[in-house]
Amino acid sequence: MRLKTPAYSKGVPLNMTPMIDVVFLLLIFFLVASQFAQVEYDQSVDLPKAESSESQESQPSKTYRLVIQIDRDEQWTLAGNPVTLPDMEIHLETLARSLKPDQIEVRIRADRKAPYRSIEPLLMTCAENGIWDVNFAVLPEGTPQ
């Protein structure tokens, strides 16, 4: 004699297709995002060492972080693209108008051999637009070259 199994014990089959789609989309997103982060930080810039520094993980993050690199030849780079001072002034003015200036963080990655005359106009432009959160990327003192 065969026993009947209750209808509720069979369960509902799960459709795995949407879950696989989401996993692939997340994978592609993180691959693309990590590629942009690598373009932003050029390894050819020899950062200066600092006797004291503060880790960026301890600071609250801003809405918008702008990373500007200055190499030893006084060339400015923004997101892997070379820029000039007038371009940077326009970019910062537009950014300050579209966001609140206290939501913007500017990080300067200047080569240790870059002269101050190439950094000063950037600092002045930030101050003129009310952007006061300007940081310099440095290496901790014990870091090897």
C-alpha atoms as a PDB file:
ATOM      1  CA  MET A   1       0.000   0.000   0.000  1.00  0.00           C
ATOM      2  CA  ARG A   2       1.369   3.311  -1.081  1.00  0.00           C
ATOM      3  CA  LEU A   3       1.124   6.280   1.264  1.00  0.00           C
ATOM      4  CA  LYS A   4       0.235   9.699   0.003  1.00  0.00           C
ATOM      5  CA  THR A   5       2.749  12.423   0.648  1.00  0.00           C
ATOM      6  CA  PRO A   6       1.316  15.736   1.728  1.00  0.00           C
ATOM      7  CA  ALA A   7       1.357  18.486  -0.917  1.00  0.00           C
ATOM      8  CA  TYR A   8       3.254  20.916   1.286  1.00  0.00           C
ATOM      9  CA  SER A   9       6.285  18.646   1.673  1.00  0.00           C
ATOM     10  CA  LYS A  10       7.233  18.821  -2.011  1.00  0.00           C
ATOM     11  CA  GLY A  11       8.230  22.465  -1.701  1.00  0.00           C
ATOM     12  CA  VAL A  12       8.504  25.149  -4.325  1.00  0.00           C
ATOM     13  CA  PRO A  13      11.432  24.845  -6.741  1.00  0.00           C
ATOM     14  CA  LEU A  14      13.783  27.822  -6.635  1.00  0.00           C
ATOM     15  CA  ASN A  15      14.617  29.559  -9.859  1.00  0.00           C
ATOM     16  CA  MET A  16      18.374  30.222  -9.685  1.00  0.00           C
ATOM     17  CA  THR A  17      18.567  32.331 -12.852  1.00  0.00           C
ATOM     18  CA  PRO A  18      17.885  35.729 -11.209  1.00  0.00           C
ATOM     19  CA  MET A  19      20.388  34.990  -8.438  1.00  0.00           C
ATOM     20  CA  ILE A  20      23.086  34.080 -10.952  1.00  0.00           C
ATOM     21  CA  ASP A  21      22.341  37.265 -12.917  1.00  0.00           C
ATOM     22  CA  VAL A  22      22.757  39.386  -9.791  1.00  0.00           C
ATOM     23  CA  VAL A  23      26.036  37.679  -8.887  1.00  0.00           C
ATOM     24  CA  PHE A  24      27.446  38.296 -12.368  1.00  0.00           C
ATOM     25  CA  LEU A  25      26.369  41.946 -12.290  1.00  0.00           C
ATOM     26  CA  LEU A  26      28.045  42.437  -8.890  1.00  0.00           C
ATOM     27  CA  LEU A  27      31.198  40.768 -10.163  1.00  0.00           C
ATOM     28  CA  ILE A  28      31.344  43.047 -13.215  1.00  0.00           C
ATOM     29  CA  PHE A  29      30.667  46.123 -11.062  1.00  0.00           C
ATOM     30  CA  PHE A  30      33.529  45.384  -8.675  1.00  0.00           C
ATOM     31  CA  LEU A  31      35.930  44.586 -11.513  1.00  0.00           C
ATOM     32  CA  VAL A  32      35.163  47.891 -13.225  1.00  0.00           C
ATOM     33  CA  ALA A  33      35.308  49.853  -9.952  1.00  0.00           C
ATOM     34  CA  SER A  34      38.692  48.390  -9.051  1.00  0.00           C
ATOM     35  CA  GLN A  35      40.027  49.297 -12.504  1.00  0.00           C
ATOM     36  CA  PHE A  36      39.015  52.940 -11.987  1.00  0.00           C
ATOM     37  CA  ALA A  37      40.730  52.961  -8.599  1.00  0.00           C
ATOM     38  CA  GLN A  38      43.959  51.688 -10.167  1.00  0.00           C
ATOM     39  CA  VAL A  39      43.884  54.362 -12.882  1.00  0.00           C
ATOM     40  CA  GLU A  40      43.448  57.035 -10.222  1.00  0.00           C
ATOM     41  CA  TYR A  41      46.650  56.106  -8.378  1.00  0.00           C
ATOM     42  CA  ASP A  42      49.633  56.206 -10.694  1.00  0.00           C
ATOM     43  CA  GLN A  43      52.621  54.372  -9.249  1.00  0.00           C
ATOM     44  CA  SER A  44      55.125  56.601 -11.051  1.00  0.00           C
ATOM     45  CA  VAL A  45      54.596  59.343  -8.453  1.00  0.00           C
ATOM     46  CA  ASP A  46      57.213  59.045  -5.706  1.00  0.00           C
ATOM     47  CA  LEU A  47      55.305  60.164  -2.604  1.00  0.00           C
ATOM     48  CA  PRO A  48      57.145  61.974   0.191  1.00  0.00           C
ATOM     49  CA  LYS A  49      57.578  60.385   3.605  1.00  0.00           C
ATOM     50  CA  ALA A  50      55.980  61.966   6.651  1.00  0.00           C
ATOM     51  CA  GLU A  51      57.086  61.849  10.269  1.00  0.00           C
ATOM     52  CA  SER A  52      53.456  61.929  11.345  1.00  0.00           C
ATOM     53  CA  SER A  53      50.367  61.137   9.331  1.00  0.00           C
ATOM     54  CA  GLU A  54      46.741  60.212   9.862  1.00  0.00           C
ATOM     55  CA  SER A  55      45.156  57.189   8.261  1.00  0.00           C
ATOM     56  CA  GLN A  56      42.327  57.972   5.852  1.00  0.00           C
ATOM     57  CA  GLU A  57      40.245  55.068   7.216  1.00  0.00           C
ATOM     58  CA  SER A  58      39.758  56.959  10.493  1.00  0.00           C
ATOM     59  CA  GLN A  59      38.292  60.008   8.768  1.00  0.00           C
ATOM     60  CA  PRO A  60      34.651  60.200   7.688  1.00  0.00           C
ATOM     61  CA  SER A  61      34.258  59.951   3.941  1.00  0.00           C
ATOM     62  CA  LYS A  62      33.038  62.887   1.922  1.00  0.00           C
ATOM     63  CA  THR A  63      30.475  62.860  -0.847  1.00  0.00           C
ATOM     64  CA  TYR A  64      33.064  63.542  -3.542  1.00  0.00           C
ATOM     65  CA  ARG A  65      36.820  62.886  -3.508  1.00  0.00           C
ATOM     66  CA  LEU A  66      38.985  64.472  -6.158  1.00  0.00           C
ATOM     67  CA  VAL A  67      42.480  62.993  -6.559  1.00  0.00           C
ATOM     68  CA  ILE A  68      45.025  65.161  -8.367  1.00  0.00           C
ATOM     69  CA  GLN A  69      48.510  63.909  -9.148  1.00  0.00           C
ATOM     70  CA  ILE A  70      51.474  66.160  -9.725  1.00  0.00           C
ATOM     71  CA  ASP A  71      54.638  64.547 -11.059  1.00  0.00           C
ATOM     72  CA  ARG A  72      58.201  65.832 -10.801  1.00  0.00           C
ATOM     73  CA  ASP A  73      57.864  67.523 -14.220  1.00  0.00           C
ATOM     74  CA  GLU A  74      55.007  69.663 -12.829  1.00  0.00           C
ATOM     75  CA  GLN A  75      52.371  67.871 -14.950  1.00  0.00           C
ATOM     76  CA  TRP A  76      48.907  67.624 -13.386  1.00  0.00           C
ATOM     77  CA  THR A  77      46.784  64.518 -13.828  1.00  0.00           C
ATOM     78  CA  LEU A  78      43.128  64.062 -12.955  1.00  0.00           C
ATOM     79  CA  ALA A  79      41.673  60.535 -13.287  1.00  0.00           C
ATOM     80  CA  GLY A  80      44.543  59.527 -15.558  1.00  0.00           C
ATOM     81  CA  ASN A  81      44.079  62.507 -17.906  1.00  0.00           C
ATOM     82  CA  PRO A  82      46.488  65.451 -18.056  1.00  0.00           C
ATOM     83  CA  VAL A  83      44.933  68.784 -17.083  1.00  0.00           C
ATOM     84  CA  THR A  84      46.051  72.409 -16.984  1.00  0.00           C
ATOM     85  CA  LEU A  85      45.439  75.047 -14.326  1.00  0.00           C
ATOM     86  CA  PRO A  86      42.534  76.747 -16.196  1.00  0.00           C
ATOM     87  CA  ASP A  87      40.864  73.347 -16.691  1.00  0.00           C
ATOM     88  CA  MET A  88      41.288  72.562 -13.002  1.00  0.00           C
ATOM     89  CA  GLU A  89      39.893  75.969 -11.972  1.00  0.00           C
ATOM     90  CA  ILE A  90      36.790  75.410 -14.113  1.00  0.00           C
ATOM     91  CA  HIS A  91      36.372  71.873 -12.767  1.00  0.00           C
ATOM     92  CA  LEU A  92      36.641  72.979  -9.122  1.00  0.00           C
ATOM     93  CA  GLU A  93      34.276  75.947  -9.630  1.00  0.00           C
ATOM     94  CA  THR A  94      31.669  73.704 -11.255  1.00  0.00           C
ATOM     95  CA  LEU A  95      32.081  71.107  -8.544  1.00  0.00           C
ATOM     96  CA  ALA A  96      31.764  73.697  -5.752  1.00  0.00           C
ATOM     97  CA  ARG A  97      28.578  75.077  -7.341  1.00  0.00           C
ATOM     98  CA  SER A  98      26.951  71.671  -7.797  1.00  0.00           C
ATOM     99  CA  LEU A  99      27.857  70.344  -4.320  1.00  0.00           C
ATOM    100  CA  LYS A 100      28.386  71.981  -0.977  1.00  0.00           C
ATOM    101  CA  PRO A 101      32.097  72.773  -0.572  1.00  0.00           C
ATOM    102  CA  ASP A 102      32.205  70.871   2.734  1.00  0.00           C
ATOM    103  CA  GLN A 103      31.199  67.689   0.867  1.00  0.00           C
ATOM    104  CA  ILE A 104      34.284  67.825  -1.362  1.00  0.00           C
ATOM    105  CA  GLU A 105      37.652  66.356  -0.474  1.00  0.00           C
ATOM    106  CA  VAL A 106      40.723  67.100  -2.567  1.00  0.00           C
ATOM    107  CA  ARG A 107      43.665  64.729  -2.266  1.00  0.00           C
ATOM    108  CA  ILE A 108      46.957  65.849  -3.739  1.00  0.00           C
ATOM    109  CA  ARG A 109      49.430  63.137  -4.722  1.00  0.00           C
ATOM    110  CA  ALA A 110      52.519  65.184  -5.391  1.00  0.00           C
ATOM    111  CA  ASP A 111      55.914  63.740  -6.208  1.00  0.00           C
ATOM    112  CA  ARG A 112      58.516  64.438  -3.560  1.00  0.00           C
ATOM    113  CA  LYS A 113      60.572  66.348  -6.139  1.00  0.00           C
ATOM    114  CA  ALA A 114      57.676  68.462  -7.414  1.00  0.00           C
ATOM    115  CA  PRO A 115      58.308  72.138  -6.640  1.00  0.00           C
ATOM    116  CA  TYR A 116      55.865  74.050  -4.476  1.00  0.00           C
ATOM    117  CA  ARG A 117      55.147  76.457  -7.335  1.00  0.00           C
ATOM    118  CA  SER A 118      53.237  73.648  -9.042  1.00  0.00           C
ATOM    119  CA  ILE A 119      51.121  72.931  -5.935  1.00  0.00           C
ATOM    120  CA  GLU A 120      50.334  76.463  -4.760  1.00  0.00           C
ATOM    121  CA  PRO A 121      47.868  77.374  -7.592  1.00  0.00           C
ATOM    122  CA  LEU A 122      45.829  74.285  -6.770  1.00  0.00           C
ATOM    123  CA  LEU A 123      45.685  75.221  -3.081  1.00  0.00           C
ATOM    124  CA  MET A 124      44.687  78.790  -3.962  1.00  0.00           C
ATOM    125  CA  THR A 125      41.931  77.583  -6.322  1.00  0.00           C
ATOM    126  CA  CYS A 126      40.535  75.297  -3.623  1.00  0.00           C
ATOM    127  CA  ALA A 127      40.540  78.154  -1.088  1.00  0.00           C
ATOM    128  CA  GLU A 128      38.834  80.541  -3.531  1.00  0.00           C
ATOM    129  CA  ASN A 129      36.028  78.020  -4.028  1.00  0.00           C
ATOM    130  CA  GLY A 130      35.583  77.304  -0.303  1.00  0.00           C
ATOM    131  CA  ILE A 131      37.048  73.814  -0.424  1.00  0.00           C
ATOM    132  CA  TRP A 132      38.976  73.445   2.814  1.00  0.00           C
ATOM    133  CA  ASP A 133      39.383  69.669   3.027  1.00  0.00           C
ATOM    134  CA  VAL A 134      42.673  69.327   1.155  1.00  0.00           C
ATOM    135  CA  ASN A 135      44.970  66.413   1.999  1.00  0.00           C
ATOM    136  CA  PHE A 136      48.399  65.389   0.815  1.00  0.00           C
ATOM    137  CA  ALA A 137      49.075  61.723   0.165  1.00  0.00           C
ATOM    138  CA  VAL A 138      52.248  60.661   1.966  1.00  0.00           C
ATOM    139  CA  LEU A 139      54.013  57.469   2.969  1.00  0.00           C
ATOM    140  CA  PRO A 140      54.515  56.605   6.638  1.00  0.00           C
ATOM    141  CA  GLU A 141      58.105  57.094   7.785  1.00  0.00           C
ATOM    142  CA  GLY A 142      58.977  53.382   8.035  1.00  0.00           C
ATOM    143  CA  THR A 143      57.820  52.555   4.499  1.00  0.00           C
ATOM    144  CA  PRO A 144      60.595  51.350   2.165  1.00  0.00           C
ATOM    145  CA  GLN A 145      61.154  53.198  -1.094  1.00  0.00           C
END
